[in-house]
């Protein structure tokens, strides 16, 4: 009878260990997904930051110049 109790306790301990391992894997998968999303957002920001100087350089090669701020007008399309 004592051997059965020890065996049963071992099975319970093993199940608890497997459950903890599964919880750790789930937590790590969530963290991985979060880090991948963060990495994609950072890559997008980097791409956008690198695009502006390239566009400005291409515009300069075409002879385009930046308009003075006094020549810039903004329209409020929300008004009738």
PDB file of N, CA and C in Angstrom:
ATOM      1  N   UNK A   1       0.816  -1.194   0.000  1.00  0.00           N
ATOM      2  CA  UNK A   1       0.000   0.000   0.000  1.00  0.00           C
ATOM      3  C   UNK A   1       0.863   1.262   0.000  1.00  0.00           C
ATOM      4  N   UNK A   2       1.987   1.245   0.726  1.00  0.00           N
ATOM      5  CA  UNK A   2       2.878   2.401   0.793  1.00  0.00           C
ATOM      6  C   UNK A   2       3.519   2.645  -0.570  1.00  0.00           C
ATOM      7  N   UNK A   3       3.840   1.580  -1.283  1.00  0.00           N
ATOM      8  CA  UNK A   3       4.441   1.723  -2.604  1.00  0.00           C
ATOM      9  C   UNK A   3       3.456   2.392  -3.558  1.00  0.00           C
ATOM     10  N   UNK A   4       2.195   2.052  -3.438  1.00  0.00           N
ATOM     11  CA  UNK A   4       1.176   2.663  -4.284  1.00  0.00           C
ATOM     12  C   UNK A   4       1.059   4.158  -3.988  1.00  0.00           C
ATOM     13  N   UNK A   5       1.113   4.529  -2.726  1.00  0.00           N
ATOM     14  CA  UNK A   5       1.021   5.930  -2.321  1.00  0.00           C
ATOM     15  C   UNK A   5       2.220   6.718  -2.867  1.00  0.00           C
ATOM     16  N   UNK A   6       3.408   6.118  -2.796  1.00  0.00           N
ATOM     17  CA  UNK A   6       4.607   6.775  -3.311  1.00  0.00           C
ATOM     18  C   UNK A   6       4.506   6.927  -4.834  1.00  0.00           C
ATOM     19  N   UNK A   7       4.043   5.895  -5.501  1.00  0.00           N
ATOM     20  CA  UNK A   7       3.876   5.945  -6.953  1.00  0.00           C
ATOM     21  C   UNK A   7       2.847   6.999  -7.352  1.00  0.00           C
ATOM     22  N   UNK A   8       1.751   7.063  -6.617  1.00  0.00           N
ATOM     23  CA  UNK A   8       0.720   8.057  -6.889  1.00  0.00           C
ATOM     24  C   UNK A   8       1.256   9.471  -6.659  1.00  0.00           C
ATOM     25  N   UNK A   9       2.008   9.662  -5.602  1.00  0.00           N
ATOM     26  CA  UNK A   9       2.601  10.971  -5.323  1.00  0.00           C
ATOM     27  C   UNK A   9       3.579  11.350  -6.432  1.00  0.00           C
ATOM     28  N   UNK A  10       4.314  10.380  -6.943  1.00  0.00           N
ATOM     29  CA  UNK A  10       5.232  10.635  -8.044  1.00  0.00           C
ATOM     30  C   UNK A  10       4.507  11.057  -9.303  1.00  0.00           C
ATOM     31  N   UNK A  11       3.406  10.414  -9.599  1.00  0.00           N
ATOM     32  CA  UNK A  11       2.611  10.765 -10.779  1.00  0.00           C
ATOM     33  C   UNK A  11       2.044  12.173 -10.633  1.00  0.00           C
ATOM     34  N   UNK A  12       1.559  12.500  -9.449  1.00  0.00           N
ATOM     35  CA  UNK A  12       1.021  13.837  -9.205  1.00  0.00           C
ATOM     36  C   UNK A  12       2.131  14.876  -9.359  1.00  0.00           C
ATOM     37  N   UNK A  13       3.302  14.597  -8.803  1.00  0.00           N
ATOM     38  CA  UNK A  13       4.430  15.521  -8.902  1.00  0.00           C
ATOM     39  C   UNK A  13       4.841  15.702 -10.365  1.00  0.00           C
ATOM     40  N   UNK A  14       4.834  14.632 -11.118  1.00  0.00           N
ATOM     41  CA  UNK A  14       5.174  14.714 -12.539  1.00  0.00           C
ATOM     42  C   UNK A  14       4.154  15.555 -13.296  1.00  0.00           C
ATOM     43  N   UNK A  15       2.883  15.368 -13.000  1.00  0.00           N
ATOM     44  CA  UNK A  15       1.835  16.163 -13.656  1.00  0.00           C
ATOM     45  C   UNK A  15       1.974  17.645 -13.318  1.00  0.00           C
ATOM     46  N   UNK A  16       2.301  17.945 -12.083  1.00  0.00           N
ATOM     47  CA  UNK A  16       2.502  19.342 -11.680  1.00  0.00           C
ATOM     48  C   UNK A  16       3.690  19.934 -12.429  1.00  0.00           C
ATOM     49  N   UNK A  17       4.769  19.174 -12.562  1.00  0.00           N
ATOM     50  CA  UNK A  17       5.955  19.653 -13.274  1.00  0.00           C
ATOM     51  C   UNK A  17       5.632  19.905 -14.747  1.00  0.00           C
ATOM     52  N   UNK A  18       4.869  19.023 -15.356  1.00  0.00           N
ATOM     53  CA  UNK A  18       4.484  19.202 -16.760  1.00  0.00           C
ATOM     54  C   UNK A  18       3.590  20.429 -16.907  1.00  0.00           C
ATOM     55  N   UNK A  19       2.670  20.631 -15.986  1.00  0.00           N
ATOM     56  CA  UNK A  19       1.792  21.800 -16.021  1.00  0.00           C
ATOM     57  C   UNK A  19       2.608  23.087 -15.900  1.00  0.00           C
ATOM     58  N   UNK A  20       3.569  23.121 -14.993  1.00  0.00           N
ATOM     59  CA  UNK A  20       4.421  24.305 -14.844  1.00  0.00           C
ATOM     60  C   UNK A  20       5.234  24.556 -16.111  1.00  0.00           C
ATOM     61  N   UNK A  21       5.742  23.496 -16.710  1.00  0.00           N
ATOM     62  CA  UNK A  21       6.511  23.645 -17.954  1.00  0.00           C
ATOM     63  C   UNK A  21       5.627  24.191 -19.069  1.00  0.00           C
ATOM     64  N   UNK A  22       4.395  23.708 -19.165  1.00  0.00           N
ATOM     65  CA  UNK A  22       3.466  24.200 -20.185  1.00  0.00           C
ATOM     66  C   UNK A  22       3.126  25.669 -19.966  1.00  0.00           C
ATOM     67  N   UNK A  23       2.973  26.061 -18.711  1.00  0.00           N
ATOM     68  CA  UNK A  23       2.693  27.461 -18.402  1.00  0.00           C
ATOM     69  C   UNK A  23       3.886  28.332 -18.794  1.00  0.00           C
ATOM     70  N   UNK A  24       5.092  27.850 -18.538  1.00  0.00           N
ATOM     71  CA  UNK A  24       6.295  28.598 -18.907  1.00  0.00           C
ATOM     72  C   UNK A  24       6.408  28.728 -20.424  1.00  0.00           C
ATOM     73  N   UNK A  25       6.109  27.666 -21.138  1.00  0.00           N
ATOM     74  CA  UNK A  25       6.148  27.712 -22.607  1.00  0.00           C
ATOM     75  C   UNK A  25       5.114  28.698 -23.127  1.00  0.00           C
ATOM     76  N   UNK A  26       3.926  28.692 -22.564  1.00  0.00           N
ATOM     77  CA  UNK A  26       2.876  29.626 -22.989  1.00  0.00           C
ATOM     78  C   UNK A  26       3.314  31.066 -22.734  1.00  0.00           C
ATOM     79  N   UNK A  27       3.888  31.315 -21.582  1.00  0.00           N
ATOM     80  CA  UNK A  27       4.362  32.657 -21.249  1.00  0.00           C
ATOM     81  C   UNK A  27       5.459  33.101 -22.219  1.00  0.00           C
ATOM     82  N   UNK A  28       6.364  32.195 -22.545  1.00  0.00           N
ATOM     83  CA  UNK A  28       7.444  32.514 -23.477  1.00  0.00           C
ATOM     84  C   UNK A  28       6.912  32.746 -24.891  1.00  0.00           C
ATOM     85  N   UNK A  29       5.903  31.989 -25.293  1.00  0.00           N
ATOM     86  CA  UNK A  29       5.294  32.208 -26.612  1.00  0.00           C
ATOM     87  C   UNK A  29       4.640  33.582 -26.685  1.00  0.00           C
ATOM     88  N   UNK A  30       3.958  33.984 -25.608  1.00  0.00           N
ATOM     89  CA  UNK A  30       3.353  35.319 -25.574  1.00  0.00           C
ATOM     90  C   UNK A  30       4.430  36.396 -25.660  1.00  0.00           C
ATOM     91  N   UNK A  31       5.512  36.208 -24.919  1.00  0.00           N
ATOM     92  CA  UNK A  31       6.605  37.180 -24.941  1.00  0.00           C
ATOM     93  C   UNK A  31       7.243  37.247 -26.332  1.00  0.00           C
ATOM     94  N   UNK A  32       7.396  36.090 -26.967  1.00  0.00           N
ATOM     95  CA  UNK A  32       7.971  36.050 -28.315  1.00  0.00           C
ATOM     96  C   UNK A  32       7.081  36.812 -29.295  1.00  0.00           C
ATOM     97  N   UNK A  33       5.782  36.608 -29.227  1.00  0.00           N
ATOM     98  CA  UNK A  33       4.859  37.312 -30.124  1.00  0.00           C
ATOM     99  C   UNK A  33       4.926  38.814 -29.890  1.00  0.00           C
ATOM    100  N   UNK A  34       5.012  39.213 -28.633  1.00  0.00           N
ATOM    101  CA  UNK A  34       5.094  40.630 -28.310  1.00  0.00           C
ATOM    102  C   UNK A  34       6.401  41.230 -28.839  1.00  0.00           C
ATOM    103  N   UNK A  35       7.492  40.521 -28.687  1.00  0.00           N
ATOM    104  CA  UNK A  35       8.775  41.014 -29.169  1.00  0.00           C
ATOM    105  C   UNK A  35       8.826  41.065 -30.694  1.00  0.00           C
ATOM    106  N   UNK A  36       8.194  40.112 -31.356  1.00  0.00           N
ATOM    107  CA  UNK A  36       8.149  40.138 -32.817  1.00  0.00           C
ATOM    108  C   UNK A  36       7.347  41.342 -33.308  1.00  0.00           C
ATOM    109  N   UNK A  37       6.234  41.639 -32.640  1.00  0.00           N
ATOM    110  CA  UNK A  37       5.432  42.806 -33.021  1.00  0.00           C
ATOM    111  C   UNK A  37       6.233  44.092 -32.793  1.00  0.00           C
ATOM    112  N   UNK A  38       6.952  44.150 -31.679  1.00  0.00           N
ATOM    113  CA  UNK A  38       7.782  45.319 -31.393  1.00  0.00           C
ATOM    114  C   UNK A  38       8.892  45.456 -32.431  1.00  0.00           C
ATOM    115  N   UNK A  39       9.483  44.346 -32.824  1.00  0.00           N
ATOM    116  CA  UNK A  39      10.546  44.358 -33.824  1.00  0.00           C
ATOM    117  C   UNK A  39      10.016  44.860 -35.169  1.00  0.00           C
ATOM    118  N   UNK A  40       8.829  44.426 -35.550  1.00  0.00           N
ATOM    119  CA  UNK A  40       8.230  44.880 -36.804  1.00  0.00           C
ATOM    120  C   UNK A  40       7.932  46.373 -36.763  1.00  0.00           C
ATOM    121  N   UNK A  41       7.452  46.861 -35.618  1.00  0.00           N
ATOM    122  CA  UNK A  41       7.172  48.291 -35.490  1.00  0.00           C
ATOM    123  C   UNK A  41       8.458  49.099 -35.599  1.00  0.00           C
ATOM    124  N   UNK A  42       9.520  48.620 -34.968  1.00  0.00           N
ATOM    125  CA  UNK A  42      10.806  49.314 -35.035  1.00  0.00           C
ATOM    126  C   UNK A  42      11.376  49.280 -36.456  1.00  0.00           C
ATOM    127  N   UNK A  43      11.221  48.167 -37.143  1.00  0.00           N
ATOM    128  CA  UNK A  43      11.695  48.072 -38.526  1.00  0.00           C
ATOM    129  C   UNK A  43      10.934  49.053 -39.418  1.00  0.00           C
ATOM    130  N   UNK A  44       9.653  49.198 -39.174  1.00  0.00           N
ATOM    131  CA  UNK A  44       8.849  50.145 -39.945  1.00  0.00           C
ATOM    132  C   UNK A  44       9.291  51.579 -39.675  1.00  0.00           C
ATOM    133  N   UNK A  45       9.552  51.899 -38.417  1.00  0.00           N
ATOM    134  CA  UNK A  45      10.033  53.236 -38.076  1.00  0.00           C
ATOM    135  C   UNK A  45      11.388  53.510 -38.727  1.00  0.00           C
ATOM    136  N   UNK A  46      12.261  52.520 -38.714  1.00  0.00           N
ATOM    137  CA  UNK A  46      13.581  52.669 -39.327  1.00  0.00           C
ATOM    138  C   UNK A  46      13.450  52.907 -40.832  1.00  0.00           C
ATOM    139  N   UNK A  47      12.588  52.152 -41.472  1.00  0.00           N
ATOM    140  CA  UNK A  47      12.380  52.309 -42.905  1.00  0.00           C
ATOM    141  C   UNK A  47      11.851  53.701 -43.229  1.00  0.00           C
ATOM    142  N   UNK A  48      10.907  54.179 -42.447  1.00  0.00           N
ATOM    143  CA  UNK A  48      10.353  55.513 -42.672  1.00  0.00           C
ATOM    144  C   UNK A  48      11.414  56.585 -42.443  1.00  0.00           C
ATOM    145  N   UNK A  49      12.246  56.404 -41.436  1.00  0.00           N
ATOM    146  CA  UNK A  49      13.293  57.386 -41.142  1.00  0.00           C
ATOM    147  C   UNK A  49      14.351  57.410 -42.241  1.00  0.00           C
ATOM    148  N   UNK A  50      14.619  56.282 -42.844  1.00  0.00           N
ATOM    149  CA  UNK A  50      15.619  56.221 -43.907  1.00  0.00           C
ATOM    150  C   UNK A  50      15.060  56.737 -45.229  1.00  0.00           C
ATOM    151  N   UNK A  51      13.759  56.727 -45.399  1.00  0.00           N
ATOM    152  CA  UNK A  51      13.153  57.138 -46.660  1.00  0.00           C
ATOM    153  C   UNK A  51      13.208  58.654 -46.850  1.00  0.00           C
ATOM    154  N   UNK A  52      13.041  59.432 -45.789  1.00  0.00           N
ATOM    155  CA  UNK A  52      12.986  60.896 -45.917  1.00  0.00           C
ATOM    156  C   UNK A  52      14.269  61.467 -46.521  1.00  0.00           C
ATOM    157  N   UNK A  53      15.460  61.137 -46.032  1.00  0.00           N
ATOM    158  CA  UNK A  53      16.665  61.700 -46.659  1.00  0.00           C
ATOM    159  C   UNK A  53      16.833  61.267 -48.118  1.00  0.00           C
ATOM    160  N   UNK A  54      16.430  60.048 -48.429  1.00  0.00           N
ATOM    161  CA  UNK A  54      16.541  59.566 -49.797  1.00  0.00           C
ATOM    162  C   UNK A  54      15.623  60.363 -50.725  1.00  0.00           C
ATOM    163  N   UNK A  55      14.416  60.647 -50.272  1.00  0.00           N
ATOM    164  CA  UNK A  55      13.469  61.431 -51.070  1.00  0.00           C
ATOM    165  C   UNK A  55      13.966  62.867 -51.216  1.00  0.00           C
ATOM    166  N   UNK A  56      14.488  63.424 -50.119  1.00  0.00           N
ATOM    167  CA  UNK A  56      15.022  64.791 -50.191  1.00  0.00           C
ATOM    168  C   UNK A  56      16.200  64.865 -51.163  1.00  0.00           C
ATOM    169  N   UNK A  57      17.058  63.855 -51.161  1.00  0.00           N
ATOM    170  CA  UNK A  57      18.191  63.821 -52.088  1.00  0.00           C
ATOM    171  C   UNK A  57      17.737  63.724 -53.537  1.00  0.00           C
ATOM    172  N   UNK A  58      16.740  62.891 -53.796  1.00  0.00           N
ATOM    173  CA  UNK A  58      16.211  62.752 -55.159  1.00  0.00           C
ATOM    174  C   UNK A  58      15.570  64.051 -55.612  1.00  0.00           C
ATOM    175  N   UNK A  59      14.861  64.730 -54.716  1.00  0.00           N
ATOM    176  CA  UNK A  59      14.234  66.003 -55.062  1.00  0.00           C
ATOM    177  C   UNK A  59      15.299  67.054 -55.369  1.00  0.00           C
ATOM    178  N   UNK A  60      16.368  67.067 -54.582  1.00  0.00           N
ATOM    179  CA  UNK A  60      17.443  68.040 -54.804  1.00  0.00           C
ATOM    180  C   UNK A  60      18.114  67.794 -56.150  1.00  0.00           C
ATOM    181  N   UNK A  61      18.297  66.529 -56.522  1.00  0.00           N
ATOM    182  CA  UNK A  61      18.905  66.208 -57.816  1.00  0.00           C
ATOM    183  C   UNK A  61      18.021  66.666 -58.981  1.00  0.00           C
ATOM    184  N   UNK A  62      16.717  66.714 -58.740  1.00  0.00           N
ATOM    185  CA  UNK A  62      15.785  67.175 -59.775  1.00  0.00           C
ATOM    186  C   UNK A  62      15.651  68.696 -59.776  1.00  0.00           C
ATOM    187  N   UNK A  63      16.347  69.341 -58.855  1.00  0.00           N
ATOM    188  CA  UNK A  63      16.296  70.798 -58.798  1.00  0.00           C
ATOM    189  C   UNK A  63      15.147  71.352 -57.981  1.00  0.00           C
ATOM    190  N   UNK A  64      14.477  70.505 -57.267  1.00  0.00           N
ATOM    191  CA  UNK A  64      13.365  70.966 -56.437  1.00  0.00           C
ATOM    192  C   UNK A  64      13.910  71.556 -55.140  1.00  0.00           C
ATOM    193  N   UNK A  65      13.233  72.554 -54.620  1.00  0.00           N
ATOM    194  CA  UNK A  65      13.620  73.175 -53.349  1.00  0.00           C
ATOM    195  C   UNK A  65      12.425  73.144 -52.419  1.00  0.00           C
ATOM    196  N   UNK A  66      12.698  73.233 -51.146  1.00  0.00           N
ATOM    197  CA  UNK A  66      11.629  73.201 -50.162  1.00  0.00           C
ATOM    198  C   UNK A  66      10.937  74.558 -50.131  1.00  0.00           C
ATOM    199  N   UNK A  67       9.622  74.542 -50.085  1.00  0.00           N
ATOM    200  CA  UNK A  67       8.853  75.786 -50.063  1.00  0.00           C
ATOM    201  C   UNK A  67       9.042  76.476 -48.721  1.00  0.00           C
ATOM    202  N   UNK A  68       9.111  77.798 -48.733  1.00  0.00           N
ATOM    203  CA  UNK A  68       9.199  78.532 -47.466  1.00  0.00           C
ATOM    204  C   UNK A  68       7.928  78.320 -46.650  1.00  0.00           C
ATOM    205  N   UNK A  69       8.063  78.384 -45.360  1.00  0.00           N
ATOM    206  CA  UNK A  69       6.917  78.158 -44.478  1.00  0.00           C
ATOM    207  C   UNK A  69       5.829  79.196 -44.699  1.00  0.00           C
ATOM    208  N   UNK A  70       6.215  80.388 -45.136  1.00  0.00           N
ATOM    209  CA  UNK A  70       5.217  81.444 -45.367  1.00  0.00           C
ATOM    210  C   UNK A  70       4.346  81.138 -46.579  1.00  0.00           C
ATOM    211  N   UNK A  71       4.807  80.284 -47.472  1.00  0.00           N
ATOM    212  CA  UNK A  71       4.026  79.923 -48.660  1.00  0.00           C
ATOM    213  C   UNK A  71       3.129  78.713 -48.434  1.00  0.00           C
ATOM    214  N   UNK A  72       3.135  78.188 -47.233  1.00  0.00           N
ATOM    215  CA  UNK A  72       2.359  76.992 -46.941  1.00  0.00           C
ATOM    216  C   UNK A  72       1.004  77.381 -46.362  1.00  0.00           C
ATOM    217  N   UNK A  73      -0.053  76.832 -46.934  1.00  0.00           N
ATOM    218  CA  UNK A  73      -1.416  77.081 -46.467  1.00  0.00           C
ATOM    219  C   UNK A  73      -2.048  75.756 -46.056  1.00  0.00           C
ATOM    220  N   UNK A  74      -2.900  75.829 -45.051  1.00  0.00           N
ATOM    221  CA  UNK A  74      -3.603  74.635 -44.603  1.00  0.00           C
ATOM    222  C   UNK A  74      -5.098  74.891 -44.730  1.00  0.00           C
ATOM    223  N   UNK A  75      -5.808  73.946 -45.260  1.00  0.00           N
ATOM    224  CA  UNK A  75      -7.247  74.046 -45.419  1.00  0.00           C
ATOM    225  C   UNK A  75      -7.939  73.192 -44.383  1.00  0.00           C
ATOM    226  N   UNK A  76      -8.995  73.726 -43.796  1.00  0.00           N
ATOM    227  CA  UNK A  76      -9.798  72.968 -42.857  1.00  0.00           C
ATOM    228  C   UNK A  76     -10.981  72.388 -43.626  1.00  0.00           C
ATOM    229  N   UNK A  77     -10.909  71.133 -43.976  1.00  0.00           N
ATOM    230  CA  UNK A  77     -11.946  70.494 -44.789  1.00  0.00           C
ATOM    231  C   UNK A  77     -13.177  70.131 -43.966  1.00  0.00           C
ATOM    232  N   UNK A  78     -13.098  70.338 -42.674  1.00  0.00           N
ATOM    233  CA  UNK A  78     -14.243  70.031 -41.811  1.00  0.00           C
ATOM    234  C   UNK A  78     -15.294  71.123 -41.817  1.00  0.00           C
ATOM    235  N   UNK A  79     -14.927  72.286 -42.295  1.00  0.00           N
ATOM    236  CA  UNK A  79     -15.875  73.396 -42.342  1.00  0.00           C
ATOM    237  C   UNK A  79     -16.654  73.377 -43.663  1.00  0.00           C
ATOM    238  N   UNK A  80     -17.938  73.727 -43.609  1.00  0.00           N
ATOM    239  CA  UNK A  80     -18.747  73.751 -44.840  1.00  0.00           C
ATOM    240  C   UNK A  80     -18.412  74.908 -45.742  1.00  0.00           C
TER     241      UNK A  80
END
